[in-house]
């Protein structure tokens, strides 16, 4: 994410870049909650582990939504861009 933040893009691609960043943020949170869920489970705290893993699932769902959005946006951008070059 930090590397991606270093780059600027054209206004036509900014929304795609924003969706990409949002997807990566959600994936990062999912990884965090998976890790803490495993730690909690290893400590025998299954209630907190379950909560952590449920949060990870929600973060991955959000990541998937952002990824689907950016894919649609990118396809639209490519379609317009390819038609202009034809």
Protein backbone atom coordinates (compact mmCIF):
# COMPACT_ATOMS: atom_id res chain seq x y z
CA UNK A 1 0.00 0.00 0.00
CA UNK A 2 2.81 2.38 0.84
CA UNK A 3 4.42 1.83 -2.58
CA UNK A 4 1.11 2.37 -4.32
CA UNK A 5 0.60 5.62 -2.42
CA UNK A 6 3.83 6.96 -3.93
CA UNK A 7 2.38 6.94 -7.43
CA UNK A 8 0.01 9.43 -8.93
CA UNK A 9 -2.36 8.50 -11.71
CA UNK A 10 -4.51 10.38 -14.18
CA UNK A 11 -7.91 11.55 -12.97
CA UNK A 12 -9.48 8.80 -15.14
CA UNK A 13 -7.66 6.16 -13.09
CA UNK A 14 -7.92 7.72 -9.62
CA UNK A 15 -11.12 5.88 -8.72
CA UNK A 16 -9.52 2.57 -9.71
CA UNK A 17 -6.46 3.36 -7.60
CA UNK A 18 -8.71 4.28 -4.66
CA UNK A 19 -10.60 0.98 -4.94
CA UNK A 20 -7.30 -0.90 -5.14
CA UNK A 21 -6.07 0.80 -1.98
CA UNK A 22 -9.35 0.09 -0.18
CA UNK A 23 -9.10 -3.58 -1.18
CA UNK A 24 -5.55 -3.78 0.15
CA UNK A 25 -6.52 -2.08 3.42
CA UNK A 26 -9.31 -4.60 3.94
CA UNK A 27 -7.01 -7.53 3.07
CA UNK A 28 -4.48 -6.21 5.58
CA UNK A 29 -7.13 -6.01 8.30
CA UNK A 30 -8.30 -9.53 7.44
CA UNK A 31 -4.74 -10.82 7.87
CA UNK A 32 -4.51 -9.02 11.21
CA UNK A 33 -7.73 -10.56 12.51
CA UNK A 34 -6.78 -14.01 11.26
CA UNK A 35 -3.48 -13.72 13.11
CA UNK A 36 -5.07 -12.49 16.33
CA UNK A 37 -7.79 -15.13 16.01
CA UNK A 38 -5.15 -17.84 15.84
CA UNK A 39 -3.33 -16.35 18.83
CA UNK A 40 -6.57 -16.18 20.83
CA UNK A 41 -7.43 -19.75 19.88
CA UNK A 42 -3.99 -20.93 20.97
CA UNK A 43 -4.61 -19.24 24.33
CA UNK A 44 -7.89 -21.13 24.66
CA UNK A 45 -10.04 -18.02 24.21
CA UNK A 46 -12.38 -19.44 21.59
CA UNK A 47 -15.01 -16.73 22.03
CA UNK A 48 -12.58 -13.95 21.11
CA UNK A 49 -11.00 -16.13 18.41
CA UNK A 50 -14.42 -16.64 16.82
CA UNK A 51 -15.09 -12.91 16.94
CA UNK A 52 -11.69 -12.17 15.37
CA UNK A 53 -12.22 -14.69 12.59
CA UNK A 54 -15.74 -13.38 11.91
CA UNK A 55 -14.23 -9.91 11.57
CA UNK A 56 -11.63 -11.32 9.16
CA UNK A 57 -14.44 -12.77 7.04
CA UNK A 58 -16.16 -9.37 6.92
CA UNK A 59 -12.90 -7.71 5.91
CA UNK A 60 -12.36 -10.25 3.13
CA UNK A 61 -15.91 -9.69 1.88
CA UNK A 62 -15.19 -5.97 1.75
CA UNK A 63 -11.88 -6.66 0.00
CA UNK A 64 -13.71 -8.73 -2.60
CA UNK A 65 -16.29 -5.98 -3.14
CA UNK A 66 -13.55 -3.39 -3.71
CA UNK A 67 -11.70 -5.77 -6.03
CA UNK A 68 -14.86 -6.43 -8.04
CA UNK A 69 -15.49 -2.68 -8.26
CA UNK A 70 -12.01 -1.92 -9.47
CA UNK A 71 -12.19 -4.72 -12.03
CA UNK A 72 -15.43 -3.30 -13.44
CA UNK A 73 -13.95 0.19 -13.49
CA UNK A 74 -10.77 -1.04 -15.17
CA UNK A 75 -12.72 -2.95 -17.82
CA UNK A 76 -14.74 0.17 -18.55
CA UNK A 77 -11.60 2.30 -18.72
CA UNK A 78 -9.87 -0.20 -21.01
CA UNK A 79 -12.93 -0.43 -23.24
CA UNK A 80 -13.04 3.35 -23.68
CA UNK A 81 -9.27 3.62 -24.05
CA UNK A 82 -9.04 0.81 -26.62
CA UNK A 83 -11.90 2.28 -28.66
CA UNK A 84 -10.12 5.64 -28.81
CA UNK A 85 -6.97 4.01 -30.18
CA UNK A 86 -8.82 2.02 -32.89
